[in-house]
């Protein structure tokens, strides 16, 4: 296990690559933004908008949104700057926070946009949250599948040809498909939604028909639709904190006044649902990094802080699983504490953690350094 020499992302993140200088690909990609000809890229976006403006029966394009800071930023660019008339396509949460519900309402009202949402099948969502937690350690699998499937299919159904997503997560944050491209055609291959469809049908609780709405377009279907899906992050500089600052100017609300999460460094990222955040925390037992590592690394790249300043904060917060997240998830899935923690034990990577005689897990690594001398499985 090794850490990026610039940020605090470890090489245990799936698909991430490190360059010869010991710096991770996301850091290098962020630096590339400083040398990108953004004026030319912006003109490319203007040309693209001119191509599709007025081609739809009612809307010029579709934007995939959650209501968060990036969604506000995307709609700001397309509606206020590009003067397009977009429809917003959204997957609803199964347990909105008050702030999350306010934000999705605000984005529609502030920018005067229609929103078309899919409400996840409540029975399937509840079964899948528990099943995906127990079977693959990804409790948001079903919701993530809908997030990637619904905007493509609905845009095509509406006869629209331009669909806008925010960032290419593999390129921006690290992953298997680390290629800078304007096209989001291959977004379903980014490994966020693992292709394990048959697994969910094995016990008969869910039918193939009930999962059909969560299935992404095939590449053949995409080509036939004539859809052109793009990443906004290709055309304008992409920075998490900057997007947040812009979003605030258009009414986006952070969550600090509603709820203070125990395991994060900020109050503005992934704030739509509490139970959804269990998926984010599960990166910690699996890969030794979670929300604090991710946000610290983004801030370091942006020059908002230093690696040295962030190390003690990541050590303090990344390991904390917020009690409210646990309570919300257990209530939603109807799991008992014993069932929940037994399942959590399945997902600890024994190369990175050891378990003492009372079942408590401890790190074998030090943040910013890597693996340390292996400890024994004792109480102390």
Foldseek 3Di string as FASTA:
>chain_A
DAAQPFAQDDPLPAFWDADPVSHTLLLVLLVVVVVDPLVVLQVVVLVVQVVQAPVFPQFSEEEEDQLALLRLLVLCCVCVVSVGQYAYEYEADPAFDPQSVVSVVLSCVLSVHHYDYDYQPLQCLLVQLVVCCQPPNASCLLVVLLSQAVVLVVCLVSLHAEYEYADLCCCNPNANPNDQDFFCLVVVVRPPRDPPVVVVPVVPPDDPVSSVSSHHDDSVRSVVSNHTYGYPCNNHPDADVVSNVVSVVSPRDFCPVPDDFQQAPDGRPPNTDLLNCSSQLLCCQQRNFGHLSRVRRRCSSVVVDGNVVSQVVRVRRSNDDGPVNVVVSCVSNVHDPVRVVVSSLVSGDPVAWEAAPVGDIDGQAGRNGGGDPDDDRHPD
